C-alpha atoms as a PDB file:
ATOM      1  CA  MET A   1       6.312  -8.242   3.000  1.00  0.00           C
ATOM      2  CA  CYS A   2       5.677  -5.113   0.960  1.00  0.00           C
ATOM      3  CA  THR A   3       7.106  -1.673   0.215  1.00  0.00           C
ATOM      4  CA  VAL A   4       5.272   1.660  -0.011  1.00  0.00           C
ATOM      5  CA  THR A   5       6.653   5.019  -1.122  1.00  0.00           C
ATOM      6  CA  ILE A   6       4.673   8.205  -0.520  1.00  0.00           C
ATOM      7  CA  PHE A   7       5.221  11.709  -1.790  1.00  0.00           C
ATOM      8  CA  ARG A   8       3.061  14.462  -0.340  1.00  0.00           C
ATOM      9  CA  SER A   9       3.323  18.170  -1.120  1.00  0.00           C
ATOM     10  CA  ALA A  10       0.994  21.129  -1.587  1.00  0.00           C
ATOM     11  CA  ASP A  11       0.568  20.084  -5.221  1.00  0.00           C
ATOM     12  CA  GLN A  12       0.592  16.293  -5.259  1.00  0.00           C
ATOM     13  CA  LEU A  13      -0.089  13.065  -3.411  1.00  0.00           C
ATOM     14  CA  LEU A  14       1.609  10.036  -4.950  1.00  0.00           C
ATOM     15  CA  VAL A  15       1.380   6.613  -3.260  1.00  0.00           C
ATOM     16  CA  THR A  16       3.088   3.594  -4.855  1.00  0.00           C
ATOM     17  CA  MET A  17       3.009   0.089  -3.375  1.00  0.00           C
ATOM     18  CA  ASN A  18       4.847  -3.145  -4.191  1.00  0.00           C
ATOM     19  CA  ARG A  19       2.860  -6.158  -3.077  1.00  0.00           C
ATOM     20  CA  ASP A  20       5.060  -9.081  -2.057  1.00  0.00           C
ATOM     21  CA  GLU A  21       3.308 -12.414  -1.714  1.00  0.00           C
ATOM     22  CA  ARG A  22       3.998 -16.106  -1.822  1.00  0.00           C
ATOM     23  CA  ARG A  23       4.184 -17.511  -5.327  1.00  0.00           C
ATOM     24  CA  ASN A  24       1.332 -20.009  -4.896  1.00  0.00           C
ATOM     25  CA  ARG A  25      -1.251 -17.493  -3.678  1.00  0.00           C
ATOM     26  CA  SER A  26      -4.282 -17.096  -5.925  1.00  0.00           C
ATOM     27  CA  GLU A  27      -4.066 -14.713  -8.871  1.00  0.00           C
ATOM     28  CA  GLU A  28      -4.754 -11.071  -8.098  1.00  0.00           C
ATOM     29  CA  LEU A  29      -7.769  -9.229  -9.465  1.00  0.00           C
ATOM     30  CA  PRO A  30      -7.157  -5.896 -11.247  1.00  0.00           C
ATOM     31  CA  PRO A  31      -8.577  -2.685  -9.744  1.00  0.00           C
ATOM     32  CA  ARG A  32     -12.347  -2.532  -9.622  1.00  0.00           C
ATOM     33  CA  ARG A  33     -14.862   0.051  -8.446  1.00  0.00           C
ATOM     34  CA  ALA A  34     -16.723  -0.506  -5.195  1.00  0.00           C
ATOM     35  CA  GLY A  35     -18.846   1.408  -2.708  1.00  0.00           C
ATOM     36  CA  GLY A  36     -21.741   3.749  -3.433  1.00  0.00           C
ATOM     37  CA  ARG A  37     -25.281   3.605  -1.982  1.00  0.00           C
ATOM     38  CA  GLY A  38     -24.444   5.965   0.830  1.00  0.00           C
ATOM     39  CA  GLU A  39     -20.806   4.910   1.059  1.00  0.00           C
ATOM     40  CA  ALA A  40     -17.756   6.460  -0.518  1.00  0.00           C
ATOM     41  CA  ASN A  41     -16.819   5.170  -3.961  1.00  0.00           C
ATOM     42  CA  TRP A  42     -13.416   3.558  -4.109  1.00  0.00           C
ATOM     43  CA  VAL A  43     -11.050   1.682  -6.391  1.00  0.00           C
ATOM     44  CA  GLY A  44      -8.573  -1.068  -5.546  1.00  0.00           C
ATOM     45  CA  PRO A  45      -7.155  -4.387  -6.748  1.00  0.00           C
ATOM     46  CA  GLY A  46      -8.417  -7.586  -5.194  1.00  0.00           C
ATOM     47  CA  ASP A  47      -6.946 -10.653  -3.537  1.00  0.00           C
ATOM     48  CA  GLY A  48      -8.146 -13.708  -5.445  1.00  0.00           C
ATOM     49  CA  GLU A  49      -7.963 -15.861  -2.331  1.00  0.00           C
ATOM     50  CA  THR A  50      -9.858 -13.816   0.276  1.00  0.00           C
ATOM     51  CA  GLY A  51     -11.553 -11.071  -1.744  1.00  0.00           C
ATOM     52  CA  GLY A  52      -9.944  -8.305   0.290  1.00  0.00           C
ATOM     53  CA  THR A  53      -7.270  -5.858  -0.768  1.00  0.00           C
ATOM     54  CA  TRP A  54      -3.974  -4.353   0.296  1.00  0.00           C
ATOM     55  CA  PHE A  55      -4.369  -1.029  -1.542  1.00  0.00           C
ATOM     56  CA  GLY A  56      -7.084   1.382  -2.594  1.00  0.00           C
ATOM     57  CA  ALA A  57      -8.225   4.982  -2.946  1.00  0.00           C
ATOM     58  CA  ASN A  58     -11.626   6.631  -2.577  1.00  0.00           C
ATOM     59  CA  ASP A  59     -13.445   9.641  -3.980  1.00  0.00           C
ATOM     60  CA  HIS A  60     -12.665  11.689  -0.868  1.00  0.00           C
ATOM     61  CA  GLY A  61      -9.007  11.690  -1.856  1.00  0.00           C
ATOM     62  CA  MET A  62      -7.919   9.087   0.704  1.00  0.00           C
ATOM     63  CA  VAL A  63      -5.416   6.342  -0.139  1.00  0.00           C
ATOM     64  CA  ALA A  64      -4.990   3.288   2.121  1.00  0.00           C
ATOM     65  CA  CYS A  65      -2.232   0.652   2.141  1.00  0.00           C
ATOM     66  CA  LEU A  66      -1.805  -2.374   4.394  1.00  0.00           C
ATOM     67  CA  LEU A  67       1.493  -4.196   4.947  1.00  0.00           C
ATOM     68  CA  ASN A  68       1.801  -7.442   6.876  1.00  0.00           C
ATOM     69  CA  ALA A  69       4.022  -7.192   9.929  1.00  0.00           C
ATOM     70  CA  TYR A  70       5.791  -9.908  11.854  1.00  0.00           C
ATOM     71  CA  ALA A  71       5.850 -10.324  15.627  1.00  0.00           C
ATOM     72  CA  PRO A  72       6.122 -13.336  17.963  1.00  0.00           C
ATOM     73  CA  GLY A  73       2.889 -15.323  17.739  1.00  0.00           C
ATOM     74  CA  ASP A  74       1.851 -14.128  14.283  1.00  0.00           C
ATOM     75  CA  LEU A  75       2.617 -17.367  12.440  1.00  0.00           C
ATOM     76  CA  GLU A  76       0.529 -19.378  14.896  1.00  0.00           C
ATOM     77  CA  LEU A  77      -2.327 -16.895  14.565  1.00  0.00           C
ATOM     78  CA  VAL A  78      -2.250 -16.912  10.758  1.00  0.00           C
ATOM     79  CA  SER A  79      -2.493 -20.722  10.738  1.00  0.00           C
ATOM     80  CA  ARG A  80      -5.867 -20.638  12.514  1.00  0.00           C
ATOM     81  CA  GLY A  81      -8.718 -20.787  10.041  1.00  0.00           C
ATOM     82  CA  GLU A  82     -11.124 -18.639  12.059  1.00  0.00           C
ATOM     83  CA  VAL A  83      -8.823 -15.599  12.094  1.00  0.00           C
ATOM     84  CA  PRO A  84     -10.207 -12.885   9.743  1.00  0.00           C
ATOM     85  CA  SER A  85      -8.159 -11.707   6.795  1.00  0.00           C
ATOM     86  CA  ARG A  86      -6.356  -8.389   7.125  1.00  0.00           C
ATOM     87  CA  GLY A  87      -7.494  -7.734   3.553  1.00  0.00           C
ATOM     88  CA  GLY A  88     -10.953  -6.795   4.869  1.00  0.00           C
ATOM     89  CA  ILE A  89      -9.659  -3.733   6.724  1.00  0.00           C
ATOM     90  CA  ILE A  90      -9.103  -1.434   3.751  1.00  0.00           C
ATOM     91  CA  PRO A  91     -12.616  -1.849   2.251  1.00  0.00           C
ATOM     92  CA  GLU A  92     -14.040  -0.845   5.646  1.00  0.00           C
ATOM     93  CA  LEU A  93     -11.881   2.276   5.691  1.00  0.00           C
ATOM     94  CA  LEU A  94     -12.389   3.341   2.081  1.00  0.00           C
ATOM     95  CA  ALA A  95     -16.172   3.220   2.437  1.00  0.00           C
ATOM     96  CA  ARG A  96     -15.763   6.235   4.766  1.00  0.00           C
ATOM     97  CA  THR A  97     -14.592   9.807   4.547  1.00  0.00           C
ATOM     98  CA  PRO A  98     -11.087  10.494   5.933  1.00  0.00           C
ATOM     99  CA  GLU A  99     -12.669  11.844   9.123  1.00  0.00           C
ATOM    100  CA  GLY A 100     -14.982   8.845   9.375  1.00  0.00           C
ATOM    101  CA  ALA A 101     -12.094   6.446   8.839  1.00  0.00           C
ATOM    102  CA  GLN A 102     -10.137   8.064  11.666  1.00  0.00           C
ATOM    103  CA  ARG A 103     -13.136   7.850  14.000  1.00  0.00           C
ATOM    104  CA  TRP A 104     -13.639   4.183  13.116  1.00  0.00           C
ATOM    105  CA  LEU A 105     -10.009   3.359  13.852  1.00  0.00           C
ATOM    106  CA  ALA A 106     -10.118   5.257  17.134  1.00  0.00           C
ATOM    107  CA  SER A 107     -13.361   3.887  18.554  1.00  0.00           C
ATOM    108  CA  ASP A 108     -14.916   0.952  16.657  1.00  0.00           C
ATOM    109  CA  PHE A 109     -12.048  -1.018  15.158  1.00  0.00           C
ATOM    110  CA  ASP A 110     -10.566  -3.945  17.117  1.00  0.00           C
ATOM    111  CA  PRO A 111      -7.122  -4.831  15.705  1.00  0.00           C
ATOM    112  CA  THR A 112      -6.508  -7.576  18.266  1.00  0.00           C
ATOM    113  CA  VAL A 113      -8.365 -10.195  16.209  1.00  0.00           C
ATOM    114  CA  PHE A 114      -5.802  -9.823  13.401  1.00  0.00           C
ATOM    115  CA  PRO A 115      -2.144 -10.750  12.994  1.00  0.00           C
ATOM    116  CA  SER A 116       0.262  -7.805  13.094  1.00  0.00           C
ATOM    117  CA  PHE A 117       0.072  -5.170  10.363  1.00  0.00           C
ATOM    118  CA  THR A 118       0.994  -1.628   9.369  1.00  0.00           C
ATOM    119  CA  LEU A 119      -1.753   0.565   7.929  1.00  0.00           C
ATOM    120  CA  LEU A 120      -1.058   3.788   6.034  1.00  0.00           C
ATOM    121  CA  LEU A 121      -3.779   6.386   5.444  1.00  0.00           C
ATOM    122  CA  ALA A 122      -2.799   9.222   3.131  1.00  0.00           C
ATOM    123  CA  THR A 123      -4.561  12.388   1.972  1.00  0.00           C
ATOM    124  CA  ASN A 124      -3.138  15.613   0.607  1.00  0.00           C
ATOM    125  CA  GLN A 125      -3.399  16.935   4.176  1.00  0.00           C
ATOM    126  CA  SER A 126      -1.555  14.207   6.125  1.00  0.00           C
ATOM    127  CA  VAL A 127      -0.128  10.689   6.115  1.00  0.00           C
ATOM    128  CA  ASP A 128      -0.876   8.551   9.188  1.00  0.00           C
ATOM    129  CA  ASN A 129       0.891   5.337  10.138  1.00  0.00           C
ATOM    130  CA  TYR A 130      -1.294   3.009  12.247  1.00  0.00           C
ATOM    131  CA  SER A 131       0.699   0.063  13.572  1.00  0.00           C
ATOM    132  CA  TRP A 132      -0.610  -3.058  15.337  1.00  0.00           C
ATOM    133  CA  ARG A 133       1.842  -5.587  16.812  1.00  0.00           C
ATOM    134  CA  LEU A 134       0.895  -8.637  18.866  1.00  0.00           C
ATOM    135  CA  ASP A 135       3.818  -7.967  21.202  1.00  0.00           C
ATOM    136  CA  LYS A 136       3.632  -4.158  21.373  1.00  0.00           C
ATOM    137  CA  GLY A 137       0.026  -3.112  20.845  1.00  0.00           C
ATOM    138  CA  VAL A 138      -1.148  -0.122  18.795  1.00  0.00           C
ATOM    139  CA  SER A 139       0.874   2.933  17.892  1.00  0.00           C
ATOM    140  CA  ARG A 140       0.060   5.872  15.629  1.00  0.00           C
ATOM    141  CA  THR A 141       2.400   8.381  14.039  1.00  0.00           C
ATOM    142  CA  THR A 142       2.103  11.112  11.437  1.00  0.00           C
ATOM    143  CA  LEU A 143       4.643  11.004   8.622  1.00  0.00           C
ATOM    144  CA  ALA A 144       6.360  14.125   7.340  1.00  0.00           C
ATOM    145  CA  ALA A 145       5.620  15.747   3.991  1.00  0.00           C
ATOM    146  CA  GLY A 146       7.924  15.053   1.069  1.00  0.00           C
ATOM    147  CA  TRP A 147       9.171  11.537   0.329  1.00  0.00           C
ATOM    148  CA  THR A 148       8.787   8.733   2.833  1.00  0.00           C
ATOM    149  CA  MET A 149       8.992   4.939   2.656  1.00  0.00           C
ATOM    150  CA  VAL A 150       7.560   2.086   4.716  1.00  0.00           C
ATOM    151  CA  THR A 151       8.571  -1.542   4.160  1.00  0.00           C
ATOM    152  CA  SER A 152       8.360  -4.962   5.808  1.00  0.00           C
ATOM    153  CA  SER A 153       9.934  -8.392   5.433  1.00  0.00           C
ATOM    154  CA  TRP A 154       9.633 -11.569   7.461  1.00  0.00           C
ATOM    155  CA  TRP A 155      12.837 -13.019   5.967  1.00  0.00           C
ATOM    156  CA  ARG A 156      15.942 -11.521   7.670  1.00  0.00           C
ATOM    157  CA  ALA A 157      13.631  -8.679   8.628  1.00  0.00           C
ATOM    158  CA  ALA A 158      16.003  -6.276  10.367  1.00  0.00           C
ATOM    159  CA  GLU A 159      18.695  -6.580   7.696  1.00  0.00           C
ATOM    160  CA  VAL A 160      16.330  -6.293   4.738  1.00  0.00           C
ATOM    161  CA  VAL A 161      14.420  -3.332   6.162  1.00  0.00           C
ATOM    162  CA  ARG A 162      17.650  -1.518   7.023  1.00  0.00           C
ATOM    163  CA  TRP A 163      19.087  -2.201   3.543  1.00  0.00           C
ATOM    164  CA  ARG A 164      15.963  -0.866   1.832  1.00  0.00           C
ATOM    165  CA  HIS A 165      15.962   2.278   3.962  1.00  0.00           C
ATOM    166  CA  GLU A 166      19.608   2.898   3.077  1.00  0.00           C
ATOM    167  CA  ARG A 167      18.840   2.527  -0.632  1.00  0.00           C
ATOM    168  CA  PHE A 168      15.802   4.787  -0.290  1.00  0.00           C
ATOM    169  CA  THR A 169      17.875   7.510   1.384  1.00  0.00           C
ATOM    170  CA  THR A 170      20.414   7.291  -1.431  1.00  0.00           C
ATOM    171  CA  TRP A 171      17.638   7.424  -4.033  1.00  0.00           C
ATOM    172  CA  CYS A 172      16.218  10.592  -2.442  1.00  0.00           C
ATOM    173  CA  GLU A 173      19.668  12.203  -2.243  1.00  0.00           C
ATOM    174  CA  GLU A 174      20.247  11.450  -5.914  1.00  0.00           C
ATOM    175  CA  GLY A 175      17.064  13.258  -6.965  1.00  0.00           C
ATOM    176  CA  ALA A 176      14.209  10.778  -6.432  1.00  0.00           C
ATOM    177  CA  GLN A 177      14.003   9.775 -10.080  1.00  0.00           C
ATOM    178  CA  GLU A 178      10.683   8.674 -11.530  1.00  0.00           C
ATOM    179  CA  ILE A 179      10.141   6.641 -14.685  1.00  0.00           C
ATOM    180  CA  TYR A 180       6.888   7.598 -16.404  1.00  0.00           C
ATOM    181  CA  GLY A 181       5.487   8.598 -13.027  1.00  0.00           C
ATOM    182  CA  VAL A 182       6.687   5.521 -11.119  1.00  0.00           C
ATOM    183  CA  PRO A 183       9.392   6.058  -8.474  1.00  0.00           C
ATOM    184  CA  SER A 184      12.431   4.149  -9.716  1.00  0.00           C
ATOM    185  CA  PHE A 185      12.996   2.987  -6.135  1.00  0.00           C
ATOM    186  CA  ASN A 186       9.858   0.832  -6.364  1.00  0.00           C
ATOM    187  CA  LEU A 187      11.307  -0.740  -9.526  1.00  0.00           C
ATOM    188  CA  LEU A 188      14.730  -1.363  -7.986  1.00  0.00           C
ATOM    189  CA  GLU A 189      15.999  -4.911  -8.452  1.00  0.00           C
ATOM    190  CA  VAL A 190      19.679  -5.294  -7.569  1.00  0.00           C
ATOM    191  CA  VAL A 191      21.127  -8.344  -9.311  1.00  0.00           C
ATOM    192  CA  ASP A 192      22.968  -9.754  -6.294  1.00  0.00           C
ATOM    193  CA  ARG A 193      20.243  -8.641  -3.870  1.00  0.00           C
ATOM    194  CA  ARG A 194      17.074  -9.844  -5.567  1.00  0.00           C
ATOM    195  CA  GLU A 195      15.809 -11.271  -2.274  1.00  0.00           C
ATOM    196  CA  TRP A 196      16.318  -7.878  -0.599  1.00  0.00           C
ATOM    197  CA  SER A 197      15.176  -5.474  -3.323  1.00  0.00           C
ATOM    198  CA  PRO A 198      11.850  -3.573  -3.402  1.00  0.00           C
ATOM    199  CA  MET A 199      11.120  -5.433  -6.664  1.00  0.00           C
ATOM    200  CA  MET A 200      11.738  -8.664  -4.809  1.00  0.00           C
ATOM    201  CA  THR A 201      12.315 -12.222  -6.046  1.00  0.00           C
ATOM    202  CA  ARG A 202      12.699 -15.213  -3.712  1.00  0.00           C
ATOM    203  CA  SER A 203      12.206 -18.930  -4.184  1.00  0.00           C
ATOM    204  CA  PHE A 204       8.955 -18.947  -2.194  1.00  0.00           C
ATOM    205  CA  SER A 205       7.681 -15.378  -2.638  1.00  0.00           C
ATOM    206  CA  ILE A 206       7.885 -12.517  -5.099  1.00  0.00           C
ATOM    207  CA  THR A 207       6.687  -8.990  -5.807  1.00  0.00           C
ATOM    208  CA  ARG A 208       3.382  -9.837  -7.463  1.00  0.00           C
ATOM    209  CA  SER A 209       2.253  -6.359  -8.489  1.00  0.00           C
ATOM    210  CA  LEU A 210       2.663  -2.613  -8.277  1.00  0.00           C
ATOM    211  CA  SER A 211      -0.246  -0.273  -7.428  1.00  0.00           C
ATOM    212  CA  GLN A 212      -0.273   3.517  -7.504  1.00  0.00           C
ATOM    213  CA  ALA A 213      -2.680   6.334  -6.676  1.00  0.00           C
ATOM    214  CA  GLU A 214      -2.097   9.953  -7.645  1.00  0.00           C
ATOM    215  CA  LEU A 215      -3.964  13.092  -6.664  1.00  0.00           C
ATOM    216  CA  ALA A 216      -2.738  16.337  -8.259  1.00  0.00           C
ATOM    217  CA  SER A 217      -3.610  19.885  -7.281  1.00  0.00           C
ATOM    218  CA  GLY A 218      -6.150  21.468  -9.579  1.00  0.00           C
ATOM    219  CA  GLN A 219      -7.488  18.126 -10.832  1.00  0.00           C
ATOM    220  CA  PRO A 220     -11.032  16.872 -10.113  1.00  0.00           C
ATOM    221  CA  ASP A 221     -10.010  13.222 -10.447  1.00  0.00           C
ATOM    222  CA  LEU A 222      -7.841  10.688  -8.655  1.00  0.00           C
ATOM    223  CA  ARG A 223      -5.940   8.218 -10.823  1.00  0.00           C
ATOM    224  CA  VAL A 224      -5.185   4.610  -9.873  1.00  0.00           C
ATOM    225  CA  ARG A 225      -2.721   2.545 -11.919  1.00  0.00           C
ATOM    226  CA  TYR A 226      -1.907  -1.140 -11.500  1.00  0.00           C
ATOM    227  CA  TRP A 227       0.827  -3.361 -12.929  1.00  0.00           C
ATOM    228  CA  ARG A 228       0.641  -7.146 -12.610  1.00  0.00           C
ATOM    229  CA  ARG A 229       4.161  -8.577 -12.633  1.00  0.00           C
ATOM    230  CA  ASP A 230       4.697 -11.366 -15.128  1.00  0.00           C
ATOM    231  CA  ASP A 231       6.554 -13.968 -13.063  1.00  0.00           C
ATOM    232  CA  GLU A 232      10.115 -12.673 -12.499  1.00  0.00           C
ATOM    233  CA  ASN A 233      10.093 -10.148 -15.335  1.00  0.00           C
ATOM    234  CA  PRO A 234      10.564  -6.405 -14.764  1.00  0.00           C
ATOM    235  CA  VAL A 235       7.519  -4.141 -14.600  1.00  0.00           C
ATOM    236  CA  ASP A 236       7.192  -1.713 -17.533  1.00  0.00           C
ATOM    237  CA  PRO A 237       6.008   1.671 -16.154  1.00  0.00           C
ATOM    238  CA  MET A 238       4.725   2.607 -19.608  1.00  0.00           C
ATOM    239  CA  GLN A 239       2.314  -0.319 -19.766  1.00  0.00           C
ATOM    240  CA  PRO A 240       0.051  -0.601 -16.718  1.00  0.00           C
ATOM    241  CA  THR A 241      -2.268  -3.577 -16.619  1.00  0.00           C
ATOM    242  CA  ALA A 242      -5.135  -1.258 -15.701  1.00  0.00           C
ATOM    243  CA  THR A 243      -5.772   2.457 -15.151  1.00  0.00           C
ATOM    244  CA  VAL A 244      -8.908   3.730 -13.386  1.00  0.00           C
ATOM    245  CA  THR A 245      -9.905   7.368 -12.913  1.00  0.00           C
ATOM    246  CA  LEU A 246     -12.140   8.241  -9.960  1.00  0.00           C
ATOM    247  CA  ARG A 247     -14.015  11.558  -9.853  1.00  0.00           C
ATOM    248  CA  LEU A 248     -13.721  13.266  -6.471  1.00  0.00           C
ATOM    249  CA  ALA A 249     -16.940  13.323  -4.457  1.00  0.00           C
ATOM    250  CA  ASP A 250     -17.411  17.093  -4.333  1.00  0.00           C
ATOM    251  CA  GLY A 251     -16.496  17.510  -7.990  1.00  0.00           C
ATOM    252  CA  ARG A 252     -13.954  20.197  -7.157  1.00  0.00           C
ATOM    253  CA  PRO A 253     -10.209  20.046  -7.750  1.00  0.00           C
ATOM    254  CA  ARG A 254      -8.126  19.422  -4.608  1.00  0.00           C
ATOM    255  CA  ARG A 255      -5.925  22.299  -3.422  1.00  0.00           C
END
């Protein structure tokens, strides 16, 4: 369960992710710096239960997001204690350059030890969708420039995903409004569809946080913002819980 919107153009890369999780999962950790000592520097929030993350960006201008996916056999696999957490995948990727991350995925990474997931790798040059499903194997696609959205849900999956895509299409057609830099689609909470909305509320799970990375043409820094959601309250785009600025590795603005 999660929703990611991505905007990529010649002038901007904007990646915004809603993290949906069960209500009783450990408290999230705000974005922190990691890497260095021969590895890329990166920033991302942390999972208080496993120490991994679902979102992050590094000083090579690469943003990574991981969404859980749901295929036959996943629930049984998740229940086994020896299965590694999917939250460890993004730190491995963000310690590398974009080229190094692609090589690692192609030759050294074994997704078969994990439950199903969708992995998004975004730079100002491309957005790649890497999908692993227990019942279908691995697939990779490149997403088009402009606005795009990827979402998942284990509850009424086909209906919820279709509903969100319909709302996203409408949002784009109506001008893709942003509120203080946050796509209003990520903030959408329809009163009679709270269980379906991107800003989701269910009895057993909820949108726990919002994370965003932005890379603008002509700027030498990448900005990461994070909003922790206070129970079922709306997220205020004007008041992020944390903002971290990461200087790009070569010190030169991205074009």
